[in-house]
PDB file of N, CA and C in Angstrom:
ATOM      1  N   UNK A   1      61.538  41.584  69.547  1.00  0.00           N
ATOM      2  CA  UNK A   1      61.791  42.442  68.397  1.00  0.00           C
ATOM      3  C   UNK A   1      62.894  43.442  68.766  1.00  0.00           C
ATOM      4  N   UNK A   2      63.801  43.631  67.858  1.00  0.00           N
ATOM      5  CA  UNK A   2      64.928  44.529  68.084  1.00  0.00           C
ATOM      6  C   UNK A   2      64.479  45.979  67.918  1.00  0.00           C
ATOM      7  N   UNK A   3      64.964  46.838  68.801  1.00  0.00           N
ATOM      8  CA  UNK A   3      64.638  48.268  68.737  1.00  0.00           C
ATOM      9  C   UNK A   3      65.212  48.855  67.453  1.00  0.00           C
ATOM     10  N   UNK A   4      64.360  49.450  66.583  1.00  0.00           N
ATOM     11  CA  UNK A   4      64.866  50.010  65.327  1.00  0.00           C
ATOM     12  C   UNK A   4      65.694  51.280  65.551  1.00  0.00           C
ATOM     13  N   UNK A   5      65.570  51.902  66.700  1.00  0.00           N
ATOM     14  CA  UNK A   5      66.314  53.119  67.023  1.00  0.00           C
ATOM     15  C   UNK A   5      67.019  52.968  68.356  1.00  0.00           C
ATOM     16  N   UNK A   6      68.034  52.085  68.424  1.00  0.00           N
ATOM     17  CA  UNK A   6      68.697  51.889  69.712  1.00  0.00           C
ATOM     18  C   UNK A   6      69.401  53.164  70.163  1.00  0.00           C
ATOM     19  N   UNK A   7      69.412  53.359  71.463  1.00  0.00           N
ATOM     20  CA  UNK A   7      70.074  54.525  72.031  1.00  0.00           C
ATOM     21  C   UNK A   7      71.574  54.323  71.906  1.00  0.00           C
ATOM     22  N   UNK A   8      72.242  55.294  71.377  1.00  0.00           N
ATOM     23  CA  UNK A   8      73.683  55.231  71.212  1.00  0.00           C
ATOM     24  C   UNK A   8      74.347  55.429  72.570  1.00  0.00           C
ATOM     25  N   UNK A   9      75.238  54.526  72.962  1.00  0.00           N
ATOM     26  CA  UNK A   9      75.890  54.591  74.269  1.00  0.00           C
ATOM     27  C   UNK A   9      76.704  55.868  74.428  1.00  0.00           C
ATOM     28  N   UNK A  10      77.328  56.337  73.348  1.00  0.00           N
ATOM     29  CA  UNK A  10      78.124  57.566  73.460  1.00  0.00           C
ATOM     30  C   UNK A  10      77.213  58.768  73.699  1.00  0.00           C
ATOM     31  N   UNK A  11      76.012  58.746  73.149  1.00  0.00           N
ATOM     32  CA  UNK A  11      75.063  59.829  73.413  1.00  0.00           C
ATOM     33  C   UNK A  11      74.654  59.814  74.877  1.00  0.00           C
ATOM     34  N   UNK A  12      74.400  58.622  75.421  1.00  0.00           N
ATOM     35  CA  UNK A  12      74.055  58.515  76.837  1.00  0.00           C
ATOM     36  C   UNK A  12      75.175  59.070  77.710  1.00  0.00           C
ATOM     37  N   UNK A  13      76.410  58.710  77.379  1.00  0.00           N
ATOM     38  CA  UNK A  13      77.552  59.170  78.159  1.00  0.00           C
ATOM     39  C   UNK A  13      77.684  60.685  78.048  1.00  0.00           C
ATOM     40  N   UNK A  14      77.510  61.229  76.847  1.00  0.00           N
ATOM     41  CA  UNK A  14      77.593  62.682  76.647  1.00  0.00           C
ATOM     42  C   UNK A  14      76.499  63.385  77.437  1.00  0.00           C
ATOM     43  N   UNK A  15      75.303  62.833  77.413  1.00  0.00           N
ATOM     44  CA  UNK A  15      74.188  63.427  78.136  1.00  0.00           C
ATOM     45  C   UNK A  15      74.455  63.431  79.641  1.00  0.00           C
ATOM     46  N   UNK A  16      74.976  62.321  80.146  1.00  0.00           N
ATOM     47  CA  UNK A  16      75.279  62.214  81.574  1.00  0.00           C
ATOM     48  C   UNK A  16      76.375  63.212  81.957  1.00  0.00           C
ATOM     49  N   UNK A  17      77.434  63.280  81.170  1.00  0.00           N
ATOM     50  CA  UNK A  17      78.537  64.195  81.469  1.00  0.00           C
ATOM     51  C   UNK A  17      78.098  65.644  81.344  1.00  0.00           C
ATOM     52  N   UNK A  18      77.263  65.933  80.362  1.00  0.00           N
ATOM     53  CA  UNK A  18      76.758  67.293  80.186  1.00  0.00           C
ATOM     54  C   UNK A  18      75.937  67.711  81.402  1.00  0.00           C
ATOM     55  N   UNK A  19      75.153  66.775  81.941  1.00  0.00           N
ATOM     56  CA  UNK A  19      74.377  67.067  83.145  1.00  0.00           C
ATOM     57  C   UNK A  19      75.268  67.352  84.337  1.00  0.00           C
ATOM     58  N   UNK A  20      76.349  66.592  84.458  1.00  0.00           N
ATOM     59  CA  UNK A  20      77.310  66.804  85.540  1.00  0.00           C
ATOM     60  C   UNK A  20      77.972  68.175  85.382  1.00  0.00           C
ATOM     61  N   UNK A  21      78.391  68.509  84.177  1.00  0.00           N
ATOM     62  CA  UNK A  21      79.014  69.809  83.921  1.00  0.00           C
ATOM     63  C   UNK A  21      78.030  70.936  84.214  1.00  0.00           C
ATOM     64  N   UNK A  22      76.793  70.751  83.811  1.00  0.00           N
ATOM     65  CA  UNK A  22      75.766  71.757  84.048  1.00  0.00           C
ATOM     66  C   UNK A  22      75.565  72.007  85.539  1.00  0.00           C
ATOM     67  N   UNK A  23      75.571  70.940  86.315  1.00  0.00           N
ATOM     68  CA  UNK A  23      75.386  71.075  87.767  1.00  0.00           C
ATOM     69  C   UNK A  23      76.578  71.795  88.396  1.00  0.00           C
ATOM     70  N   UNK A  24      77.797  71.467  87.971  1.00  0.00           N
ATOM     71  CA  UNK A  24      78.961  72.160  88.543  1.00  0.00           C
ATOM     72  C   UNK A  24      78.953  73.638  88.152  1.00  0.00           C
ATOM     73  N   UNK A  25      78.476  73.940  86.944  1.00  0.00           N
ATOM     74  CA  UNK A  25      78.358  75.353  86.533  1.00  0.00           C
ATOM     75  C   UNK A  25      77.326  76.076  87.403  1.00  0.00           C
ATOM     76  N   UNK A  26      76.198  75.426  87.641  1.00  0.00           N
ATOM     77  CA  UNK A  26      75.145  76.035  88.468  1.00  0.00           C
ATOM     78  C   UNK A  26      75.680  76.363  89.856  1.00  0.00           C
ATOM     79  N   UNK A  27      76.376  75.409  90.463  1.00  0.00           N
ATOM     80  CA  UNK A  27      76.924  75.609  91.805  1.00  0.00           C
ATOM     81  C   UNK A  27      77.962  76.735  91.784  1.00  0.00           C
ATOM     82  N   UNK A  28      78.819  76.754  90.759  1.00  0.00           N
ATOM     83  CA  UNK A  28      79.854  77.787  90.668  1.00  0.00           C
ATOM     84  C   UNK A  28      79.223  79.180  90.602  1.00  0.00           C
ATOM     85  N   UNK A  29      78.187  79.346  89.774  1.00  0.00           N
ATOM     86  CA  UNK A  29      77.546  80.656  89.655  1.00  0.00           C
ATOM     87  C   UNK A  29      76.779  81.029  90.924  1.00  0.00           C
ATOM     88  N   UNK A  30      76.259  80.052  91.646  1.00  0.00           N
ATOM     89  CA  UNK A  30      75.630  80.359  92.939  1.00  0.00           C
ATOM     90  C   UNK A  30      76.667  80.917  93.912  1.00  0.00           C
ATOM     91  N   UNK A  31      77.879  80.376  93.876  1.00  0.00           N
ATOM     92  CA  UNK A  31      78.950  80.841  94.761  1.00  0.00           C
ATOM     93  C   UNK A  31      79.579  82.150  94.285  1.00  0.00           C
ATOM     94  N   UNK A  32      79.378  82.497  93.018  1.00  0.00           N
ATOM     95  CA  UNK A  32      79.957  83.715  92.430  1.00  0.00           C
ATOM     96  C   UNK A  32      78.851  84.511  91.714  1.00  0.00           C
ATOM     97  N   UNK A  33      77.857  85.023  92.463  1.00  0.00           N
ATOM     98  CA  UNK A  33      76.706  85.678  91.825  1.00  0.00           C
ATOM     99  C   UNK A  33      77.059  86.959  91.070  1.00  0.00           C
ATOM    100  N   UNK A  34      78.225  87.529  91.352  1.00  0.00           N
ATOM    101  CA  UNK A  34      78.635  88.759  90.673  1.00  0.00           C
ATOM    102  C   UNK A  34      79.217  88.480  89.279  1.00  0.00           C
ATOM    103  N   UNK A  35      79.490  87.225  88.970  1.00  0.00           N
ATOM    104  CA  UNK A  35      80.140  86.858  87.728  1.00  0.00           C
ATOM    105  C   UNK A  35      79.137  86.573  86.619  1.00  0.00           C
ATOM    106  N   UNK A  36      79.554  86.854  85.402  1.00  0.00           N
ATOM    107  CA  UNK A  36      78.753  86.557  84.206  1.00  0.00           C
ATOM    108  C   UNK A  36      79.371  85.391  83.440  1.00  0.00           C
ATOM    109  N   UNK A  37      80.709  85.286  83.483  1.00  0.00           N
ATOM    110  CA  UNK A  37      81.425  84.267  82.720  1.00  0.00           C
ATOM    111  C   UNK A  37      82.264  83.378  83.630  1.00  0.00           C
ATOM    112  N   UNK A  38      82.444  82.164  83.162  1.00  0.00           N
ATOM    113  CA  UNK A  38      83.314  81.197  83.842  1.00  0.00           C
ATOM    114  C   UNK A  38      84.100  80.459  82.770  1.00  0.00           C
ATOM    115  N   UNK A  39      85.370  80.171  83.053  1.00  0.00           N
ATOM    116  CA  UNK A  39      86.189  79.373  82.156  1.00  0.00           C
ATOM    117  C   UNK A  39      86.538  78.080  82.880  1.00  0.00           C
ATOM    118  N   UNK A  40      86.352  76.963  82.198  1.00  0.00           N
ATOM    119  CA  UNK A  40      86.668  75.673  82.798  1.00  0.00           C
ATOM    120  C   UNK A  40      87.121  74.709  81.715  1.00  0.00           C
ATOM    121  N   UNK A  41      87.693  73.592  82.168  1.00  0.00           N
ATOM    122  CA  UNK A  41      88.104  72.549  81.234  1.00  0.00           C
ATOM    123  C   UNK A  41      86.875  71.853  80.654  1.00  0.00           C
ATOM    124  N   UNK A  42      87.060  71.325  79.489  1.00  0.00           N
ATOM    125  CA  UNK A  42      86.023  70.535  78.836  1.00  0.00           C
ATOM    126  C   UNK A  42      85.887  69.216  79.581  1.00  0.00           C
ATOM    127  N   UNK A  43      84.671  68.829  79.905  1.00  0.00           N
ATOM    128  CA  UNK A  43      84.415  67.544  80.542  1.00  0.00           C
ATOM    129  C   UNK A  43      84.389  66.484  79.440  1.00  0.00           C
ATOM    130  N   UNK A  44      85.124  65.368  79.614  1.00  0.00           N
ATOM    131  CA  UNK A  44      85.099  64.327  78.580  1.00  0.00           C
ATOM    132  C   UNK A  44      83.669  63.933  78.223  1.00  0.00           C
ATOM    133  N   UNK A  45      83.414  63.807  76.960  1.00  0.00           N
ATOM    134  CA  UNK A  45      82.112  63.439  76.409  1.00  0.00           C
ATOM    135  C   UNK A  45      81.047  64.514  76.617  1.00  0.00           C
ATOM    136  N   UNK A  46      81.451  65.719  77.021  1.00  0.00           N
ATOM    137  CA  UNK A  46      80.472  66.791  77.231  1.00  0.00           C
ATOM    138  C   UNK A  46      79.839  67.212  75.910  1.00  0.00           C
ATOM    139  N   UNK A  47      80.642  67.248  74.874  1.00  0.00           N
ATOM    140  CA  UNK A  47      80.159  67.676  73.569  1.00  0.00           C
ATOM    141  C   UNK A  47      79.803  66.457  72.720  1.00  0.00           C
ATOM    142  N   UNK A  48      78.624  66.482  72.158  1.00  0.00           N
ATOM    143  CA  UNK A  48      78.206  65.392  71.277  1.00  0.00           C
ATOM    144  C   UNK A  48      78.965  65.507  69.953  1.00  0.00           C
ATOM    145  N   UNK A  49      79.164  66.732  69.499  1.00  0.00           N
ATOM    146  CA  UNK A  49      79.909  66.970  68.273  1.00  0.00           C
ATOM    147  C   UNK A  49      81.402  66.900  68.555  1.00  0.00           C
ATOM    148  N   UNK A  50      82.144  66.152  67.753  1.00  0.00           N
ATOM    149  CA  UNK A  50      83.595  66.119  67.971  1.00  0.00           C
ATOM    150  C   UNK A  50      84.206  67.487  67.655  1.00  0.00           C
ATOM    151  N   UNK A  51      85.080  67.954  68.530  1.00  0.00           N
ATOM    152  CA  UNK A  51      85.700  69.257  68.339  1.00  0.00           C
ATOM    153  C   UNK A  51      86.969  69.178  67.508  1.00  0.00           C
ATOM    154  N   UNK A  52      87.541  68.006  67.402  1.00  0.00           N
ATOM    155  CA  UNK A  52      88.808  67.871  66.706  1.00  0.00           C
ATOM    156  C   UNK A  52      89.937  68.379  67.586  1.00  0.00           C
ATOM    157  N   UNK A  53      91.105  68.415  67.025  1.00  0.00           N
ATOM    158  CA  UNK A  53      92.262  68.880  67.775  1.00  0.00           C
ATOM    159  C   UNK A  53      92.278  70.402  67.808  1.00  0.00           C
ATOM    160  N   UNK A  54      92.642  70.979  68.952  1.00  0.00           N
ATOM    161  CA  UNK A  54      92.775  72.440  68.996  1.00  0.00           C
ATOM    162  C   UNK A  54      94.038  72.847  68.230  1.00  0.00           C
ATOM    163  N   UNK A  55      94.153  74.119  67.871  1.00  0.00           N
ATOM    164  CA  UNK A  55      95.376  74.576  67.222  1.00  0.00           C
ATOM    165  C   UNK A  55      96.597  74.293  68.112  1.00  0.00           C
ATOM    166  N   UNK A  56      97.776  74.185  67.509  1.00  0.00           N
ATOM    167  CA  UNK A  56      98.988  73.902  68.302  1.00  0.00           C
ATOM    168  C   UNK A  56      99.175  74.897  69.453  1.00  0.00           C
ATOM    169  N   UNK A  57      99.537  74.366  70.622  1.00  0.00           N
ATOM    170  CA  UNK A  57      99.778  75.198  71.800  1.00  0.00           C
ATOM    171  C   UNK A  57      98.517  75.620  72.530  1.00  0.00           C
ATOM    172  N   UNK A  58      97.379  75.111  72.098  1.00  0.00           N
ATOM    173  CA  UNK A  58      96.101  75.480  72.715  1.00  0.00           C
ATOM    174  C   UNK A  58      95.391  74.239  73.229  1.00  0.00           C
ATOM    175  N   UNK A  59      94.455  74.463  74.127  1.00  0.00           N
ATOM    176  CA  UNK A  59      93.614  73.377  74.639  1.00  0.00           C
ATOM    177  C   UNK A  59      92.164  73.829  74.560  1.00  0.00           C
ATOM    178  N   UNK A  60      91.278  72.861  74.397  1.00  0.00           N
ATOM    179  CA  UNK A  60      89.855  73.190  74.402  1.00  0.00           C
ATOM    180  C   UNK A  60      89.421  73.526  75.824  1.00  0.00           C
ATOM    181  N   UNK A  61      88.692  74.612  75.979  1.00  0.00           N
ATOM    182  CA  UNK A  61      88.073  74.998  77.247  1.00  0.00           C
ATOM    183  C   UNK A  61      86.604  75.293  76.953  1.00  0.00           C
ATOM    184  N   UNK A  62      85.859  75.423  78.008  1.00  0.00           N
ATOM    185  CA  UNK A  62      84.455  75.810  77.883  1.00  0.00           C
ATOM    186  C   UNK A  62      84.288  77.177  78.528  1.00  0.00           C
ATOM    187  N   UNK A  63      83.775  78.110  77.754  1.00  0.00           N
ATOM    188  CA  UNK A  63      83.409  79.426  78.267  1.00  0.00           C
ATOM    189  C   UNK A  63      81.926  79.346  78.607  1.00  0.00           C
ATOM    190  N   UNK A  64      81.620  79.425  79.895  1.00  0.00           N
ATOM    191  CA  UNK A  64      80.239  79.339  80.362  1.00  0.00           C
ATOM    192  C   UNK A  64      79.774  80.756  80.672  1.00  0.00           C
ATOM    193  N   UNK A  65      78.637  81.143  80.113  1.00  0.00           N
ATOM    194  CA  UNK A  65      78.096  82.487  80.317  1.00  0.00           C
ATOM    195  C   UNK A  65      76.710  82.378  80.925  1.00  0.00           C
ATOM    196  N   UNK A  66      76.531  83.064  82.040  1.00  0.00           N
ATOM    197  CA  UNK A  66      75.240  83.095  82.730  1.00  0.00           C
ATOM    198  C   UNK A  66      74.336  84.053  81.965  1.00  0.00           C
ATOM    199  N   UNK A  67      73.323  83.526  81.312  1.00  0.00           N
ATOM    200  CA  UNK A  67      72.418  84.347  80.509  1.00  0.00           C
ATOM    201  C   UNK A  67      71.248  84.841  81.345  1.00  0.00           C
ATOM    202  N   UNK A  68      70.735  83.995  82.199  1.00  0.00           N
ATOM    203  CA  UNK A  68      69.627  84.347  83.093  1.00  0.00           C
ATOM    204  C   UNK A  68      69.857  83.595  84.399  1.00  0.00           C
ATOM    205  N   UNK A  69      68.992  83.824  85.352  1.00  0.00           N
ATOM    206  CA  UNK A  69      69.164  83.195  86.664  1.00  0.00           C
ATOM    207  C   UNK A  69      69.304  81.674  86.550  1.00  0.00           C
ATOM    208  N   UNK A  70      68.651  81.072  85.589  1.00  0.00           N
ATOM    209  CA  UNK A  70      68.731  79.617  85.473  1.00  0.00           C
ATOM    210  C   UNK A  70      69.195  79.169  84.095  1.00  0.00           C
ATOM    211  N   UNK A  71      69.761  80.075  83.305  1.00  0.00           N
ATOM    212  CA  UNK A  71      70.198  79.700  81.967  1.00  0.00           C
ATOM    213  C   UNK A  71      71.664  80.012  81.733  1.00  0.00           C
ATOM    214  N   UNK A  72      72.354  79.060  81.137  1.00  0.00           N
ATOM    215  CA  UNK A  72      73.768  79.253  80.849  1.00  0.00           C
ATOM    216  C   UNK A  72      74.064  78.784  79.440  1.00  0.00           C
ATOM    217  N   UNK A  73      74.968  79.493  78.810  1.00  0.00           N
ATOM    218  CA  UNK A  73      75.423  79.152  77.474  1.00  0.00           C
ATOM    219  C   UNK A  73      76.837  78.624  77.598  1.00  0.00           C
ATOM    220  N   UNK A  74      77.127  77.542  76.916  1.00  0.00           N
ATOM    221  CA  UNK A  74      78.468  76.958  76.938  1.00  0.00           C
ATOM    222  C   UNK A  74      79.039  76.960  75.532  1.00  0.00           C
ATOM    223  N   UNK A  75      80.209  77.598  75.393  1.00  0.00           N
ATOM    224  CA  UNK A  75      80.870  77.666  74.092  1.00  0.00           C
ATOM    225  C   UNK A  75      82.278  77.102  74.199  1.00  0.00           C
ATOM    226  N   UNK A  76      82.620  76.135  73.342  1.00  0.00           N
ATOM    227  CA  UNK A  76      83.998  75.650  73.350  1.00  0.00           C
ATOM    228  C   UNK A  76      84.909  76.697  72.721  1.00  0.00           C
ATOM    229  N   UNK A  77      86.081  76.869  73.309  1.00  0.00           N
ATOM    230  CA  UNK A  77      87.032  77.853  72.799  1.00  0.00           C
ATOM    231  C   UNK A  77      88.444  77.295  72.967  1.00  0.00           C
ATOM    232  N   UNK A  78      89.268  77.365  71.907  1.00  0.00           N
ATOM    233  CA  UNK A  78      90.652  76.911  72.052  1.00  0.00           C
ATOM    234  C   UNK A  78      91.503  78.058  72.596  1.00  0.00           C
ATOM    235  N   UNK A  79      92.093  77.852  73.752  1.00  0.00           N
ATOM    236  CA  UNK A  79      92.902  78.900  74.386  1.00  0.00           C
ATOM    237  C   UNK A  79      94.331  78.413  74.588  1.00  0.00           C
ATOM    238  N   UNK A  80      95.277  79.354  74.661  1.00  0.00           N
ATOM    239  CA  UNK A  80      96.656  78.953  74.930  1.00  0.00           C
ATOM    240  C   UNK A  80      96.727  78.133  76.220  1.00  0.00           C
ATOM    241  N   UNK A  81      97.588  77.152  76.209  1.00  0.00           N
ATOM    242  CA  UNK A  81      97.719  76.238  77.357  1.00  0.00           C
ATOM    243  C   UNK A  81      98.040  76.968  78.648  1.00  0.00           C
ATOM    244  N   UNK A  82      98.747  78.089  78.558  1.00  0.00           N
ATOM    245  CA  UNK A  82      99.171  78.796  79.773  1.00  0.00           C
ATOM    246  C   UNK A  82      98.060  79.617  80.423  1.00  0.00           C
ATOM    247  N   UNK A  83      96.939  79.806  79.755  1.00  0.00           N
ATOM    248  CA  UNK A  83      95.835  80.583  80.336  1.00  0.00           C
ATOM    249  C   UNK A  83      95.206  79.784  81.477  1.00  0.00           C
ATOM    250  N   UNK A  84      95.097  80.417  82.637  1.00  0.00           N
ATOM    251  CA  UNK A  84      94.544  79.768  83.818  1.00  0.00           C
ATOM    252  C   UNK A  84      93.030  79.952  83.886  1.00  0.00           C
ATOM    253  N   UNK A  85      92.324  78.869  84.136  1.00  0.00           N
ATOM    254  CA  UNK A  85      90.875  78.962  84.303  1.00  0.00           C
ATOM    255  C   UNK A  85      90.509  79.838  85.502  1.00  0.00           C
ATOM    256  N   UNK A  86      91.233  79.671  86.596  1.00  0.00           N
ATOM    257  CA  UNK A  86      90.902  80.359  87.843  1.00  0.00           C
ATOM    258  C   UNK A  86      91.227  81.845  87.807  1.00  0.00           C
ATOM    259  N   UNK A  87      92.237  82.230  87.034  1.00  0.00           N
ATOM    260  CA  UNK A  87      92.653  83.635  87.017  1.00  0.00           C
ATOM    261  C   UNK A  87      91.904  84.485  85.994  1.00  0.00           C
ATOM    262  N   UNK A  88      91.139  83.864  85.122  1.00  0.00           N
ATOM    263  CA  UNK A  88      90.414  84.614  84.095  1.00  0.00           C
ATOM    264  C   UNK A  88      89.263  85.383  84.742  1.00  0.00           C
ATOM    265  N   UNK A  89      89.207  86.697  84.491  1.00  0.00           N
ATOM    266  CA  UNK A  89      88.131  87.497  85.084  1.00  0.00           C
ATOM    267  C   UNK A  89      87.051  87.797  84.042  1.00  0.00           C
ATOM    268  N   UNK A  90      85.960  88.389  84.505  1.00  0.00           N
ATOM    269  CA  UNK A  90      84.824  88.657  83.620  1.00  0.00           C
ATOM    270  C   UNK A  90      85.192  89.570  82.455  1.00  0.00           C
ATOM    271  N   UNK A  91      86.070  90.515  82.686  1.00  0.00           N
ATOM    272  CA  UNK A  91      86.449  91.431  81.614  1.00  0.00           C
ATOM    273  C   UNK A  91      87.166  90.677  80.489  1.00  0.00           C
ATOM    274  N   UNK A  92      88.147  89.865  80.854  1.00  0.00           N
ATOM    275  CA  UNK A  92      88.875  89.073  79.858  1.00  0.00           C
ATOM    276  C   UNK A  92      87.949  88.083  79.152  1.00  0.00           C
ATOM    277  N   UNK A  93      87.133  87.391  79.935  1.00  0.00           N
ATOM    278  CA  UNK A  93      86.232  86.404  79.354  1.00  0.00           C
ATOM    279  C   UNK A  93      85.149  87.062  78.507  1.00  0.00           C
ATOM    280  N   UNK A  94      84.744  88.269  78.885  1.00  0.00           N
ATOM    281  CA  UNK A  94      83.772  89.013  78.092  1.00  0.00           C
ATOM    282  C   UNK A  94      84.317  89.351  76.707  1.00  0.00           C
ATOM    283  N   UNK A  95      85.591  89.666  76.631  1.00  0.00           N
ATOM    284  CA  UNK A  95      86.223  89.950  75.332  1.00  0.00           C
ATOM    285  C   UNK A  95      86.238  88.704  74.449  1.00  0.00           C
ATOM    286  N   UNK A  96      86.536  87.562  75.061  1.00  0.00           N
ATOM    287  CA  UNK A  96      86.509  86.301  74.303  1.00  0.00           C
ATOM    288  C   UNK A  96      85.087  86.006  73.848  1.00  0.00           C
ATOM    289  N   UNK A  97      84.134  86.166  74.763  1.00  0.00           N
ATOM    290  CA  UNK A  97      82.720  85.919  74.428  1.00  0.00           C
ATOM    291  C   UNK A  97      82.288  86.793  73.250  1.00  0.00           C
ATOM    292  N   UNK A  98      82.683  88.066  73.274  1.00  0.00           N
ATOM    293  CA  UNK A  98      82.299  88.982  72.200  1.00  0.00           C
ATOM    294  C   UNK A  98      82.870  88.568  70.847  1.00  0.00           C
ATOM    295  N   UNK A  99      83.990  87.872  70.854  1.00  0.00           N
ATOM    296  CA  UNK A  99      84.604  87.419  69.599  1.00  0.00           C
ATOM    297  C   UNK A  99      83.956  86.160  69.048  1.00  0.00           C
ATOM    298  N   UNK A 100      83.478  85.275  69.933  1.00  0.00           N
ATOM    299  CA  UNK A 100      83.028  83.964  69.449  1.00  0.00           C
ATOM    300  C   UNK A 100      81.519  83.741  69.496  1.00  0.00           C
ATOM    301  N   UNK A 101      80.805  84.516  70.279  1.00  0.00           N
ATOM    302  CA  UNK A 101      79.360  84.279  70.435  1.00  0.00           C
ATOM    303  C   UNK A 101      78.575  84.873  69.271  1.00  0.00           C
ATOM    304  N   UNK A 102      77.472  84.245  68.917  1.00  0.00           N
ATOM    305  CA  UNK A 102      76.592  84.812  67.898  1.00  0.00           C
ATOM    306  C   UNK A 102      76.051  86.176  68.353  1.00  0.00           C
ATOM    307  N   UNK A 103      75.783  87.052  67.399  1.00  0.00           N
ATOM    308  CA  UNK A 103      75.355  88.432  67.682  1.00  0.00           C
ATOM    309  C   UNK A 103      74.136  88.489  68.610  1.00  0.00           C
ATOM    310  N   UNK A 104      73.166  87.614  68.411  1.00  0.00           N
ATOM    311  CA  UNK A 104      71.952  87.625  69.252  1.00  0.00           C
ATOM    312  C   UNK A 104      72.298  87.408  70.725  1.00  0.00           C
ATOM    313  N   UNK A 105      73.222  86.513  70.973  1.00  0.00           N
ATOM    314  CA  UNK A 105      73.600  86.223  72.357  1.00  0.00           C
ATOM    315  C   UNK A 105      74.414  87.356  72.962  1.00  0.00           C
ATOM    316  N   UNK A 106      75.245  87.995  72.160  1.00  0.00           N
ATOM    317  CA  UNK A 106      75.999  89.152  72.660  1.00  0.00           C
ATOM    318  C   UNK A 106      75.038  90.249  73.093  1.00  0.00           C
ATOM    319  N   UNK A 107      73.938  90.417  72.360  1.00  0.00           N
ATOM    320  CA  UNK A 107      72.930  91.425  72.714  1.00  0.00           C
ATOM    321  C   UNK A 107      72.292  91.111  74.062  1.00  0.00           C
ATOM    322  N   UNK A 108      71.962  89.850  74.287  1.00  0.00           N
ATOM    323  CA  UNK A 108      71.326  89.434  75.541  1.00  0.00           C
ATOM    324  C   UNK A 108      72.244  89.746  76.713  1.00  0.00           C
ATOM    325  N   UNK A 109      73.514  89.407  76.597  1.00  0.00           N
ATOM    326  CA  UNK A 109      74.476  89.652  77.672  1.00  0.00           C
ATOM    327  C   UNK A 109      74.668  91.144  77.879  1.00  0.00           C
ATOM    328  N   UNK A 110      74.729  91.888  76.807  1.00  0.00           N
ATOM    329  CA  UNK A 110      74.897  93.344  76.898  1.00  0.00           C
ATOM    330  C   UNK A 110      73.725  93.967  77.662  1.00  0.00           C
ATOM    331  N   UNK A 111      72.500  93.531  77.361  1.00  0.00           N
ATOM    332  CA  UNK A 111      71.316  94.048  78.051  1.00  0.00           C
ATOM    333  C   UNK A 111      71.347  93.648  79.521  1.00  0.00           C
ATOM    334  N   UNK A 112      71.811  92.452  79.825  1.00  0.00           N
ATOM    335  CA  UNK A 112      71.896  91.988  81.215  1.00  0.00           C
ATOM    336  C   UNK A 112      72.860  92.859  82.003  1.00  0.00           C
ATOM    337  N   UNK A 113      74.009  93.182  81.412  1.00  0.00           N
ATOM    338  CA  UNK A 113      75.010  94.010  82.098  1.00  0.00           C
ATOM    339  C   UNK A 113      74.462  95.382  82.384  1.00  0.00           C
ATOM    340  N   UNK A 114      73.716  95.955  81.445  1.00  0.00           N
ATOM    341  CA  UNK A 114      73.145  97.301  81.655  1.00  0.00           C
ATOM    342  C   UNK A 114      72.094  97.300  82.753  1.00  0.00           C
ATOM    343  N   UNK A 115      71.390  96.189  82.926  1.00  0.00           N
ATOM    344  CA  UNK A 115      70.320  96.156  83.941  1.00  0.00           C
ATOM    345  C   UNK A 115      70.860  95.923  85.347  1.00  0.00           C
ATOM    346  N   UNK A 116      72.139  95.580  85.470  1.00  0.00           N
ATOM    347  CA  UNK A 116      72.709  95.308  86.809  1.00  0.00           C
ATOM    348  C   UNK A 116      73.184  96.569  87.474  1.00  0.00           C
TER     349      UNK A 116
END
């Protein structure tokens, strides 16, 4: 009998890539415990939802925010091509986060910063 709900191969690939991205984020934050935000390239198939083309002169990046010791939020953001992932600091990334993150999440990060 044929499976009435076959697993979509693209979903499997997205899930696998998302797990890989999640692990690299975890390792990065372990090496940089003072950081709240990280900017990195989008991993192919990381997002299940298609993002479409970024605006001209921009590329999709992922803004990763450490919410708790074991929790991270990932938000896609279109940034100018010349912006370096490695040179972006928490202050700059915090400003981007404040512009694109939902209000509830901004509150969580704000409370985390005050408790440090």
